[in-house]
Amino acid sequence: MILALWTLWQQGDPFPRALRRVAGVAIYPAAVGVAFLIFSRIVVGQWFVSSGFFVPENKALGQPLLAAAEIGWGVRELSGLLMLIAAAAGLIPMAIAGLFQRKHAGRLIALSLLATAALPWAAFVQGHPFRIRYMVPLIAVEAIGAGCAAGLLGRVRQLRFVLPMCLLLAIAYELRPLDASAPMVVEAQWDRPNAPVRQRVTDCLRAGYHGETIMASMGSLGHYMQEASADGFAIRDFLHEGNGDLWLAALDGPRPFVGWVLIEEKANGGDVLAKLSRENPHFLDGFSRVCEGAGVALYRRRE
């Protein structure tokens, strides 16, 4: 939005008119932002969750330059070095022209896609574990940069057809769209071996379940709740962050509220319930550990 405002002003629009024109577009992402906050409040009980859902373990914790380097490495792994070079060859001239040539100010709008790096950068600086999927949106701006590089160099008559063909060959060689060992595909299957092991926890729960409420963190075990639906469990059977004050009261001691407690003890250093059980030795008073699997532990209330 800021770059669009800059472009309109550079192209001769008075600033108030440029602001009105941009505001007409900005209302849509603003509405999405408001909807996201409402959804967050419903699901996890907070308008915006900025901490508490991971254990800071990234080596880039508190180091902005290292966090940026991690993003660069992730983009290179996803798209390859040749594509990264081709993208830079197009994006740098675009930025220079957009900043210093009034008639080309609109080129800066395409560069706004670089802002998708803000989320992983902020997360890694705060210690969020590295996830290569966070860099996937940056492939879009790579495509724009590579296309612009081909267009700029294609002005040379001898390169008009050779360069695009070389670019297509580089894409086929580096991106390998059907490669089952691609970084994104591999990362997406990290949890796959855990599902059959977690099924044993579900079987254990189902064997002794008589309608009691199950306490579990939506932030860490939302995927488990989805898996458990295949065994007849519904979201209403769980007490989670979206239940607001009831959830907060249960954090002081779950025994009066639930018959079961599910805790993620492994992923990202454990969830909020794992942290509570470590810090407060009386948190699980009245509960017995009955089974575990794939880092998920199940506790049952003692009568």
C-alpha atoms as a PDB file:
ATOM      1  CA  MET A   1       0.000   0.000   0.000  1.00  0.00           C
ATOM      2  CA  ILE A   2       2.859   2.381   0.844  1.00  0.00           C
ATOM      3  CA  LEU A   3       4.603   1.677  -2.456  1.00  0.00           C
ATOM      4  CA  ALA A   4       1.353   2.210  -4.359  1.00  0.00           C
ATOM      5  CA  LEU A   5       0.906   5.550  -2.584  1.00  0.00           C
ATOM      6  CA  TRP A   6       4.475   6.518  -3.501  1.00  0.00           C
ATOM      7  CA  THR A   7       3.870   5.541  -7.139  1.00  0.00           C
ATOM      8  CA  LEU A   8       0.667   7.574  -7.501  1.00  0.00           C
ATOM      9  CA  TRP A   9       2.327  10.609  -5.920  1.00  0.00           C
ATOM     10  CA  GLN A  10       5.356  10.289  -8.195  1.00  0.00           C
ATOM     11  CA  GLN A  11       3.086  10.032 -11.211  1.00  0.00           C
ATOM     12  CA  GLY A  12       1.417  13.350 -10.389  1.00  0.00           C
ATOM     13  CA  ASP A  13      -1.550  12.606  -8.129  1.00  0.00           C
ATOM     14  CA  PRO A  14      -1.965  15.085  -5.245  1.00  0.00           C
ATOM     15  CA  PHE A  15      -1.213  13.309  -2.007  1.00  0.00           C
ATOM     16  CA  PRO A  16      -4.819  13.432  -0.621  1.00  0.00           C
ATOM     17  CA  ARG A  17      -6.192  11.949  -3.859  1.00  0.00           C
ATOM     18  CA  ALA A  18      -3.480   9.276  -3.924  1.00  0.00           C
ATOM     19  CA  LEU A  19      -4.333   8.412  -0.316  1.00  0.00           C
ATOM     20  CA  ARG A  20      -8.035   8.033  -1.137  1.00  0.00           C
ATOM     21  CA  ARG A  21      -7.283   5.790  -4.109  1.00  0.00           C
ATOM     22  CA  VAL A  22      -5.046   3.519  -2.063  1.00  0.00           C
ATOM     23  CA  ALA A  23      -7.540   3.444   0.811  1.00  0.00           C
ATOM     24  CA  GLY A  24     -10.147   2.050  -1.598  1.00  0.00           C
ATOM     25  CA  VAL A  25      -7.903  -0.969  -2.122  1.00  0.00           C
ATOM     26  CA  ALA A  26      -6.596  -1.175   1.458  1.00  0.00           C
ATOM     27  CA  ILE A  27     -10.066  -1.787   2.868  1.00  0.00           C
ATOM     28  CA  TYR A  28      -9.990  -5.390   1.651  1.00  0.00           C
ATOM     29  CA  PRO A  29      -6.782  -6.562   3.388  1.00  0.00           C
ATOM     30  CA  ALA A  30      -7.883  -4.524   6.415  1.00  0.00           C
ATOM     31  CA  ALA A  31     -11.134  -6.500   6.516  1.00  0.00           C
ATOM     32  CA  VAL A  32      -9.149  -9.735   6.275  1.00  0.00           C
ATOM     33  CA  GLY A  33      -6.998  -8.587   9.194  1.00  0.00           C
ATOM     34  CA  VAL A  34     -10.061  -7.904  11.334  1.00  0.00           C
ATOM     35  CA  ALA A  35     -11.546 -11.294  10.384  1.00  0.00           C
ATOM     36  CA  PHE A  36      -8.271 -12.969  11.368  1.00  0.00           C
ATOM     37  CA  LEU A  37      -8.330 -11.339  14.796  1.00  0.00           C
ATOM     38  CA  ILE A  38     -11.926 -12.464  15.355  1.00  0.00           C
ATOM     39  CA  PHE A  39     -11.068 -16.003  14.238  1.00  0.00           C
ATOM     40  CA  SER A  40      -8.067 -16.059  16.581  1.00  0.00           C
ATOM     41  CA  ARG A  41     -10.245 -14.914  19.473  1.00  0.00           C
ATOM     42  CA  ILE A  42     -12.765 -17.698  18.770  1.00  0.00           C
ATOM     43  CA  VAL A  43     -10.200 -20.469  18.311  1.00  0.00           C
ATOM     44  CA  VAL A  44      -7.494 -19.733  20.895  1.00  0.00           C
ATOM     45  CA  GLY A  45      -9.135 -17.160  23.175  1.00  0.00           C
ATOM     46  CA  GLN A  46      -6.794 -14.280  22.281  1.00  0.00           C
ATOM     47  CA  TRP A  47      -7.104 -11.546  19.684  1.00  0.00           C
ATOM     48  CA  PHE A  48      -3.507 -12.033  18.567  1.00  0.00           C
ATOM     49  CA  VAL A  49      -1.082 -14.734  19.676  1.00  0.00           C
ATOM     50  CA  SER A  50       2.509 -13.504  19.436  1.00  0.00           C
ATOM     51  CA  SER A  51       4.263 -15.878  21.840  1.00  0.00           C
ATOM     52  CA  GLY A  52       3.911 -19.014  23.912  1.00  0.00           C
ATOM     53  CA  PHE A  53       3.323 -21.455  21.035  1.00  0.00           C
ATOM     54  CA  PHE A  54       6.975 -22.396  20.489  1.00  0.00           C
ATOM     55  CA  VAL A  55      10.194 -22.752  22.443  1.00  0.00           C
ATOM     56  CA  PRO A  56      12.891 -20.313  21.188  1.00  0.00           C
ATOM     57  CA  GLU A  57      15.563 -22.591  19.745  1.00  0.00           C
ATOM     58  CA  ASN A  58      16.624 -20.915  16.500  1.00  0.00           C
ATOM     59  CA  LYS A  59      20.289 -19.886  16.384  1.00  0.00           C
ATOM     60  CA  ALA A  60      19.091 -16.591  14.868  1.00  0.00           C
ATOM     61  CA  LEU A  61      17.422 -15.611  18.166  1.00  0.00           C
ATOM     62  CA  GLY A  62      18.056 -11.886  18.626  1.00  0.00           C
ATOM     63  CA  GLN A  63      20.264 -11.737  15.506  1.00  0.00           C
ATOM     64  CA  PRO A  64      18.510  -9.934  12.618  1.00  0.00           C
ATOM     65  CA  LEU A  65      21.307 -10.505  10.081  1.00  0.00           C
ATOM     66  CA  LEU A  66      21.460 -14.223  10.773  1.00  0.00           C
ATOM     67  CA  ALA A  67      17.668 -14.425  10.451  1.00  0.00           C
ATOM     68  CA  ALA A  68      17.935 -12.742   7.034  1.00  0.00           C
ATOM     69  CA  ALA A  69      20.654 -15.220   6.061  1.00  0.00           C
ATOM     70  CA  GLU A  70      18.361 -18.108   7.003  1.00  0.00           C
ATOM     71  CA  ILE A  71      15.678 -16.695   4.725  1.00  0.00           C
ATOM     72  CA  GLY A  72      18.176 -16.405   1.873  1.00  0.00           C
ATOM     73  CA  TRP A  73      19.316 -19.987   2.415  1.00  0.00           C
ATOM     74  CA  GLY A  74      15.725 -21.215   2.452  1.00  0.00           C
ATOM     75  CA  VAL A  75      14.884 -19.451  -0.817  1.00  0.00           C
ATOM     76  CA  ARG A  76      18.000 -20.893  -2.447  1.00  0.00           C
ATOM     77  CA  GLU A  77      17.065 -24.400  -1.286  1.00  0.00           C
ATOM     78  CA  LEU A  78      13.548 -24.013  -2.648  1.00  0.00           C
ATOM     79  CA  SER A  79      14.407 -22.544  -6.034  1.00  0.00           C
ATOM     80  CA  GLY A  80      18.121 -23.058  -6.658  1.00  0.00           C
ATOM     81  CA  LEU A  81      21.101 -20.739  -7.005  1.00  0.00           C
ATOM     82  CA  LEU A  82      20.582 -20.037 -10.707  1.00  0.00           C
ATOM     83  CA  MET A  83      17.036 -18.839 -10.160  1.00  0.00           C
ATOM     84  CA  LEU A  84      18.171 -16.675  -7.258  1.00  0.00           C
ATOM     85  CA  ILE A  85      20.808 -15.020  -9.448  1.00  0.00           C
ATOM     86  CA  ALA A  86      18.318 -14.506 -12.288  1.00  0.00           C
ATOM     87  CA  ALA A  87      15.817 -12.950  -9.868  1.00  0.00           C
ATOM     88  CA  ALA A  88      18.431 -10.560  -8.457  1.00  0.00           C
ATOM     89  CA  ALA A  89      19.447  -9.571 -11.987  1.00  0.00           C
ATOM     90  CA  GLY A  90      15.897  -8.369 -12.597  1.00  0.00           C
ATOM     91  CA  LEU A  91      14.878  -7.021  -9.183  1.00  0.00           C
ATOM     92  CA  ILE A  92      17.885  -4.752  -8.620  1.00  0.00           C
ATOM     93  CA  PRO A  93      17.391  -2.749 -11.851  1.00  0.00           C
ATOM     94  CA  MET A  94      13.652  -2.572 -11.077  1.00  0.00           C
ATOM     95  CA  ALA A  95      14.345  -1.081  -7.666  1.00  0.00           C
ATOM     96  CA  ILE A  96      16.821   1.452  -9.026  1.00  0.00           C
ATOM     97  CA  ALA A  97      14.478   2.554 -11.814  1.00  0.00           C
ATOM     98  CA  GLY A  98      11.491   2.739  -9.465  1.00  0.00           C
ATOM     99  CA  LEU A  99      13.332   4.895  -6.931  1.00  0.00           C
ATOM    100  CA  PHE A 100      15.123   7.308  -9.240  1.00  0.00           C
ATOM    101  CA  GLN A 101      12.992   7.531 -12.394  1.00  0.00           C
ATOM    102  CA  ARG A 102       9.569   9.067 -11.920  1.00  0.00           C
ATOM    103  CA  LYS A 103       8.044   7.376 -14.971  1.00  0.00           C
ATOM    104  CA  HIS A 104       9.093   3.949 -13.681  1.00  0.00           C
ATOM    105  CA  ALA A 105       7.885   4.429 -10.093  1.00  0.00           C
ATOM    106  CA  GLY A 106       5.235   1.766 -10.620  1.00  0.00           C
ATOM    107  CA  ARG A 107       7.904  -0.931 -10.758  1.00  0.00           C
ATOM    108  CA  LEU A 108       8.273  -0.641  -7.008  1.00  0.00           C
ATOM    109  CA  ILE A 109       4.796  -2.112  -6.543  1.00  0.00           C
ATOM    110  CA  ALA A 110       6.012  -5.457  -7.877  1.00  0.00           C
ATOM    111  CA  LEU A 111       8.808  -5.370  -5.299  1.00  0.00           C
ATOM    112  CA  SER A 112       6.224  -5.213  -2.517  1.00  0.00           C
ATOM    113  CA  LEU A 113       6.070  -9.012  -2.672  1.00  0.00           C
ATOM    114  CA  LEU A 114       9.409  -8.950  -0.865  1.00  0.00           C
ATOM    115  CA  ALA A 115       7.418  -7.940   2.220  1.00  0.00           C
ATOM    116  CA  THR A 116       6.405 -11.598   2.603  1.00  0.00           C
ATOM    117  CA  ALA A 117       9.884 -12.046   4.104  1.00  0.00           C
ATOM    118  CA  ALA A 118       8.835  -9.933   7.105  1.00  0.00           C
ATOM    119  CA  LEU A 119       6.943 -12.785   8.787  1.00  0.00           C
ATOM    120  CA  PRO A 120       9.734 -15.410   8.783  1.00  0.00           C
ATOM    121  CA  TRP A 121      12.339 -12.757   9.598  1.00  0.00           C
ATOM    122  CA  ALA A 122      10.427 -11.562  12.673  1.00  0.00           C
ATOM    123  CA  ALA A 123       9.724 -15.170  13.717  1.00  0.00           C
ATOM    124  CA  PHE A 124      13.348 -16.290  13.414  1.00  0.00           C
ATOM    125  CA  VAL A 125      14.611 -13.230  15.309  1.00  0.00           C
ATOM    126  CA  GLN A 126      12.277 -14.272  18.138  1.00  0.00           C
ATOM    127  CA  GLY A 127      13.725 -17.786  18.051  1.00  0.00           C
ATOM    128  CA  HIS A 128      10.995 -19.609  16.105  1.00  0.00           C
ATOM    129  CA  PRO A 129      12.274 -22.947  14.732  1.00  0.00           C
ATOM    130  CA  PHE A 130      13.320 -22.765  11.086  1.00  0.00           C
ATOM    131  CA  ARG A 131      10.563 -23.784   8.672  1.00  0.00           C
ATOM    132  CA  ILE A 132      11.356 -23.708   4.980  1.00  0.00           C
ATOM    133  CA  ARG A 133       7.654 -23.389   4.064  1.00  0.00           C
ATOM    134  CA  TYR A 134       7.725 -19.801   5.335  1.00  0.00           C
ATOM    135  CA  MET A 135       9.881 -18.873   2.338  1.00  0.00           C
ATOM    136  CA  VAL A 136       7.545 -20.305  -0.313  1.00  0.00           C
ATOM    137  CA  PRO A 137       5.763 -16.940  -0.997  1.00  0.00           C
ATOM    138  CA  LEU A 138       9.107 -15.406  -1.967  1.00  0.00           C
ATOM    139  CA  ILE A 139       9.196 -17.632  -5.046  1.00  0.00           C
ATOM    140  CA  ALA A 140       6.560 -15.320  -6.548  1.00  0.00           C
ATOM    141  CA  VAL A 141       8.875 -12.307  -6.438  1.00  0.00           C
ATOM    142  CA  GLU A 142      11.674 -14.502  -7.808  1.00  0.00           C
ATOM    143  CA  ALA A 143       9.485 -15.247 -10.815  1.00  0.00           C
ATOM    144  CA  ILE A 144       8.927 -11.531 -11.413  1.00  0.00           C
ATOM    145  CA  GLY A 145      12.635 -10.792 -11.086  1.00  0.00           C
ATOM    146  CA  ALA A 146      13.638 -13.589 -13.450  1.00  0.00           C
ATOM    147  CA  GLY A 147      11.049 -12.449 -15.980  1.00  0.00           C
ATOM    148  CA  CYS A 148      12.304  -8.869 -15.814  1.00  0.00           C
ATOM    149  CA  ALA A 149      15.902 -10.050 -16.259  1.00  0.00           C
ATOM    150  CA  ALA A 150      14.855 -11.965 -19.364  1.00  0.00           C
ATOM    151  CA  GLY A 151      13.040  -8.892 -20.665  1.00  0.00           C
ATOM    152  CA  LEU A 152      15.961  -6.532 -20.047  1.00  0.00           C
ATOM    153  CA  LEU A 153      18.591  -8.771 -21.589  1.00  0.00           C
ATOM    154  CA  GLY A 154      16.187  -9.771 -24.329  1.00  0.00           C
ATOM    155  CA  ARG A 155      16.525  -6.275 -25.767  1.00  0.00           C
ATOM    156  CA  VAL A 156      19.797  -7.530 -27.189  1.00  0.00           C
ATOM    157  CA  ARG A 157      18.654  -9.109 -30.425  1.00  0.00           C
ATOM    158  CA  GLN A 158      21.008 -12.069 -30.220  1.00  0.00           C
ATOM    159  CA  LEU A 159      19.701 -12.985 -26.750  1.00  0.00           C
ATOM    160  CA  ARG A 160      16.016 -12.494 -27.443  1.00  0.00           C
ATOM    161  CA  PHE A 161      15.261 -16.208 -27.745  1.00  0.00           C
ATOM    162  CA  VAL A 162      18.348 -17.774 -26.197  1.00  0.00           C
ATOM    163  CA  LEU A 163      17.889 -16.239 -22.737  1.00  0.00           C
ATOM    164  CA  PRO A 164      14.275 -17.337 -22.140  1.00  0.00           C
ATOM    165  CA  MET A 165      15.196 -20.860 -23.225  1.00  0.00           C
ATOM    166  CA  CYS A 166      18.118 -20.882 -20.803  1.00  0.00           C
ATOM    167  CA  LEU A 167      15.803 -19.665 -18.062  1.00  0.00           C
ATOM    168  CA  LEU A 168      13.298 -22.436 -18.758  1.00  0.00           C
ATOM    169  CA  LEU A 169      16.068 -25.037 -18.702  1.00  0.00           C
ATOM    170  CA  ALA A 170      17.302 -23.654 -15.371  1.00  0.00           C
ATOM    171  CA  ILE A 171      13.769 -23.898 -13.961  1.00  0.00           C
ATOM    172  CA  ALA A 172      13.406 -27.501 -15.116  1.00  0.00           C
ATOM    173  CA  TYR A 173      16.808 -28.399 -13.687  1.00  0.00           C
ATOM    174  CA  GLU A 174      16.551 -26.649 -10.309  1.00  0.00           C
ATOM    175  CA  LEU A 175      12.880 -26.686  -9.344  1.00  0.00           C
ATOM    176  CA  ARG A 176      12.143 -30.348 -10.217  1.00  0.00           C
ATOM    177  CA  PRO A 177       8.372 -30.033  -9.680  1.00  0.00           C
ATOM    178  CA  LEU A 178       7.840 -33.808  -9.377  1.00  0.00           C
ATOM    179  CA  ASP A 179      10.767 -34.413  -7.011  1.00  0.00           C
ATOM    180  CA  ALA A 180       9.563 -36.296  -3.915  1.00  0.00           C
ATOM    181  CA  SER A 181      12.736 -35.246  -2.082  1.00  0.00           C
ATOM    182  CA  ALA A 182      12.172 -31.508  -2.585  1.00  0.00           C
ATOM    183  CA  PRO A 183      12.657 -29.545   0.693  1.00  0.00           C
ATOM    184  CA  MET A 184       9.021 -28.466   0.983  1.00  0.00           C
ATOM    185  CA  VAL A 185       7.728 -32.003   0.352  1.00  0.00           C
ATOM    186  CA  VAL A 186      10.115 -33.504   2.898  1.00  0.00           C
ATOM    187  CA  GLU A 187       9.200 -30.919   5.543  1.00  0.00           C
ATOM    188  CA  ALA A 188       5.481 -31.454   4.952  1.00  0.00           C
ATOM    189  CA  GLN A 189       5.917 -35.140   5.835  1.00  0.00           C
ATOM    190  CA  TRP A 190       7.883 -34.685   9.074  1.00  0.00           C
ATOM    191  CA  ASP A 191       4.855 -35.630  11.159  1.00  0.00           C
ATOM    192  CA  ARG A 192       3.755 -38.539   8.990  1.00  0.00           C
ATOM    193  CA  PRO A 193       5.514 -41.300  10.999  1.00  0.00           C
ATOM    194  CA  ASN A 194       3.902 -39.981  14.201  1.00  0.00           C
ATOM    195  CA  ALA A 195       0.281 -40.488  13.109  1.00  0.00           C
ATOM    196  CA  PRO A 196       0.188 -44.303  13.558  1.00  0.00           C
ATOM    197  CA  VAL A 197       1.924 -43.964  16.936  1.00  0.00           C
ATOM    198  CA  ARG A 198      -0.571 -41.301  18.074  1.00  0.00           C
ATOM    199  CA  GLN A 199      -3.355 -43.681  17.084  1.00  0.00           C
ATOM    200  CA  ARG A 200      -2.379 -45.822  20.057  1.00  0.00           C
ATOM    201  CA  VAL A 201      -3.092 -42.832  22.302  1.00  0.00           C
ATOM    202  CA  THR A 202      -6.502 -42.414  20.665  1.00  0.00           C
ATOM    203  CA  ASP A 203      -7.257 -46.116  21.139  1.00  0.00           C
ATOM    204  CA  CYS A 204      -6.290 -45.801  24.801  1.00  0.00           C
ATOM    205  CA  LEU A 205      -8.559 -42.770  25.198  1.00  0.00           C
ATOM    206  CA  ARG A 206     -11.490 -44.393  23.422  1.00  0.00           C
ATOM    207  CA  ALA A 207     -11.227 -47.539  25.554  1.00  0.00           C
ATOM    208  CA  GLY A 208     -11.892 -45.617  28.780  1.00  0.00           C
ATOM    209  CA  TYR A 209     -13.886 -42.660  27.464  1.00  0.00           C
ATOM    210  CA  HIS A 210     -17.399 -42.064  28.821  1.00  0.00           C
ATOM    211  CA  GLY A 211     -18.128 -38.537  27.599  1.00  0.00           C
ATOM    212  CA  GLU A 212     -15.740 -36.620  29.881  1.00  0.00           C
ATOM    213  CA  THR A 213     -14.187 -33.397  28.570  1.00  0.00           C
ATOM    214  CA  ILE A 214     -10.629 -33.670  27.230  1.00  0.00           C
ATOM    215  CA  MET A 215      -8.227 -30.784  27.858  1.00  0.00           C
ATOM    216  CA  ALA A 216      -5.772 -30.132  25.023  1.00  0.00           C
ATOM    217  CA  SER A 217      -4.078 -27.105  23.504  1.00  0.00           C
ATOM    218  CA  MET A 218      -5.470 -26.158  20.113  1.00  0.00           C
ATOM    219  CA  GLY A 219      -2.180 -24.426  19.372  1.00  0.00           C
ATOM    220  CA  SER A 220      -0.206 -27.676  19.506  1.00  0.00           C
ATOM    221  CA  LEU A 221      -2.725 -30.493  19.097  1.00  0.00           C
ATOM    222  CA  GLY A 222      -5.245 -29.056  16.641  1.00  0.00           C
ATOM    223  CA  HIS A 223      -4.042 -31.662  14.128  1.00  0.00           C
ATOM    224  CA  TYR A 224      -4.630 -34.419  16.694  1.00  0.00           C
ATOM    225  CA  MET A 225      -8.199 -33.234  17.216  1.00  0.00           C
ATOM    226  CA  GLN A 226      -8.742 -33.540  13.470  1.00  0.00           C
ATOM    227  CA  GLU A 227      -7.269 -37.051  13.454  1.00  0.00           C
ATOM    228  CA  ALA A 228      -9.441 -38.043  16.439  1.00  0.00           C
ATOM    229  CA  SER A 229     -12.579 -37.093  14.498  1.00  0.00           C
ATOM    230  CA  ALA A 230     -12.109 -40.336  12.543  1.00  0.00           C
ATOM    231  CA  ASP A 231     -12.646 -42.159  15.857  1.00  0.00           C
ATOM    232  CA  GLY A 232     -15.839 -40.314  16.727  1.00  0.00           C
ATOM    233  CA  PHE A 233     -14.463 -37.377  18.734  1.00  0.00           C
ATOM    234  CA  ALA A 234     -15.714 -33.851  18.014  1.00  0.00           C
ATOM    235  CA  ILE A 235     -14.264 -30.436  18.792  1.00  0.00           C
ATOM    236  CA  ARG A 236     -16.937 -29.957  21.486  1.00  0.00           C
ATOM    237  CA  ASP A 237     -15.380 -32.893  23.368  1.00  0.00           C
ATOM    238  CA  PHE A 238     -12.215 -30.854  23.935  1.00  0.00           C
ATOM    239  CA  LEU A 239     -11.467 -27.979  26.283  1.00  0.00           C
ATOM    240  CA  HIS A 240      -9.041 -25.675  24.443  1.00  0.00           C
ATOM    241  CA  GLU A 241      -7.964 -22.034  24.199  1.00  0.00           C
ATOM    242  CA  GLY A 242     -11.113 -21.096  22.308  1.00  0.00           C
ATOM    243  CA  ASN A 243     -13.199 -21.802  25.421  1.00  0.00           C
ATOM    244  CA  GLY A 244     -11.947 -18.563  26.964  1.00  0.00           C
ATOM    245  CA  ASP A 245     -12.410 -18.200  30.731  1.00  0.00           C
ATOM    246  CA  LEU A 246     -13.083 -21.903  31.240  1.00  0.00           C
ATOM    247  CA  TRP A 247      -9.720 -22.709  29.672  1.00  0.00           C
ATOM    248  CA  LEU A 248      -7.987 -20.063  31.796  1.00  0.00           C
ATOM    249  CA  ALA A 249      -9.576 -21.459  34.959  1.00  0.00           C
ATOM    250  CA  ALA A 250      -8.485 -24.975  34.041  1.00  0.00           C
ATOM    251  CA  LEU A 251      -4.886 -23.778  33.688  1.00  0.00           C
ATOM    252  CA  ASP A 252      -4.842 -23.256  37.463  1.00  0.00           C
ATOM    253  CA  GLY A 253      -5.911 -26.857  37.985  1.00  0.00           C
ATOM    254  CA  PRO A 254      -7.811 -28.976  35.459  1.00  0.00           C
ATOM    255  CA  ARG A 255      -9.293 -31.583  37.824  1.00  0.00           C
ATOM    256  CA  PRO A 256     -12.666 -29.846  38.449  1.00  0.00           C
ATOM    257  CA  PHE A 257     -13.230 -29.282  34.738  1.00  0.00           C
ATOM    258  CA  VAL A 258     -12.001 -32.273  32.720  1.00  0.00           C
ATOM    259  CA  GLY A 259     -11.666 -36.024  32.870  1.00  0.00           C
ATOM    260  CA  TRP A 260      -8.664 -36.260  30.550  1.00  0.00           C
ATOM    261  CA  VAL A 261      -5.613 -34.154  29.697  1.00  0.00           C
ATOM    262  CA  LEU A 262      -3.609 -34.457  26.481  1.00  0.00           C
ATOM    263  CA  ILE A 263      -0.134 -32.898  26.480  1.00  0.00           C
ATOM    264  CA  GLU A 264       2.289 -32.421  23.607  1.00  0.00           C
ATOM    265  CA  GLU A 265       5.649 -32.966  25.290  1.00  0.00           C
ATOM    266  CA  LYS A 266       7.974 -33.159  22.288  1.00  0.00           C
ATOM    267  CA  ALA A 267       7.285 -30.804  19.369  1.00  0.00           C
ATOM    268  CA  ASN A 268       8.908 -27.367  19.703  1.00  0.00           C
ATOM    269  CA  GLY A 269       9.938 -28.198  23.264  1.00  0.00           C
ATOM    270  CA  GLY A 270       6.394 -29.005  24.407  1.00  0.00           C
ATOM    271  CA  ASP A 271       3.156 -27.037  24.503  1.00  0.00           C
ATOM    272  CA  VAL A 272       1.692 -24.705  27.121  1.00  0.00           C
ATOM    273  CA  LEU A 273       0.388 -27.619  29.211  1.00  0.00           C
ATOM    274  CA  ALA A 274       3.795 -29.317  29.166  1.00  0.00           C
ATOM    275  CA  LYS A 275       5.374 -26.073  30.315  1.00  0.00           C
ATOM    276  CA  LEU A 276       2.815 -25.726  33.116  1.00  0.00           C
ATOM    277  CA  SER A 277       3.377 -29.294  34.281  1.00  0.00           C
ATOM    278  CA  ARG A 278       7.123 -28.657  34.452  1.00  0.00           C
ATOM    279  CA  GLU A 279       6.786 -25.371  36.314  1.00  0.00           C
ATOM    280  CA  ASN A 280       3.949 -26.417  38.630  1.00  0.00           C
ATOM    281  CA  PRO A 281       4.372 -29.908  40.146  1.00  0.00           C
ATOM    282  CA  HIS A 282       0.755 -29.800  41.367  1.00  0.00           C
ATOM    283  CA  PHE A 283      -0.786 -29.006  37.978  1.00  0.00           C
ATOM    284  CA  LEU A 284      -1.649 -32.656  37.319  1.00  0.00           C
ATOM    285  CA  ASP A 285      -2.663 -33.535  40.865  1.00  0.00           C
ATOM    286  CA  GLY A 286      -5.503 -36.040  40.676  1.00  0.00           C
ATOM    287  CA  PHE A 287      -4.465 -37.361  37.277  1.00  0.00           C
ATOM    288  CA  SER A 288      -2.577 -40.483  36.288  1.00  0.00           C
ATOM    289  CA  ARG A 289      -0.534 -40.941  33.141  1.00  0.00           C
ATOM    290  CA  VAL A 290      -2.130 -43.800  31.218  1.00  0.00           C
ATOM    291  CA  CYS A 291      -0.357 -43.879  27.847  1.00  0.00           C
ATOM    292  CA  GLU A 292       1.830 -41.935  25.429  1.00  0.00           C
ATOM    293  CA  GLY A 293       2.990 -41.956  21.832  1.00  0.00           C
ATOM    294  CA  ALA A 294       4.853 -39.698  19.386  1.00  0.00           C
ATOM    295  CA  GLY A 295       5.412 -37.099  22.093  1.00  0.00           C
ATOM    296  CA  VAL A 296       1.728 -36.947  23.132  1.00  0.00           C
ATOM    297  CA  ALA A 297       0.911 -38.005  26.693  1.00  0.00           C
ATOM    298  CA  LEU A 298      -2.573 -38.873  27.963  1.00  0.00           C
ATOM    299  CA  TYR A 299      -3.609 -38.366  31.580  1.00  0.00           C
ATOM    300  CA  ARG A 300      -6.823 -39.624  33.183  1.00  0.00           C
ATOM    301  CA  ARG A 301      -8.528 -38.172  36.243  1.00  0.00           C
ATOM    302  CA  ARG A 302      -8.501 -40.442  39.288  1.00  0.00           C
ATOM    303  CA  GLU A 303     -11.891 -40.835  40.937  1.00  0.00           C
END
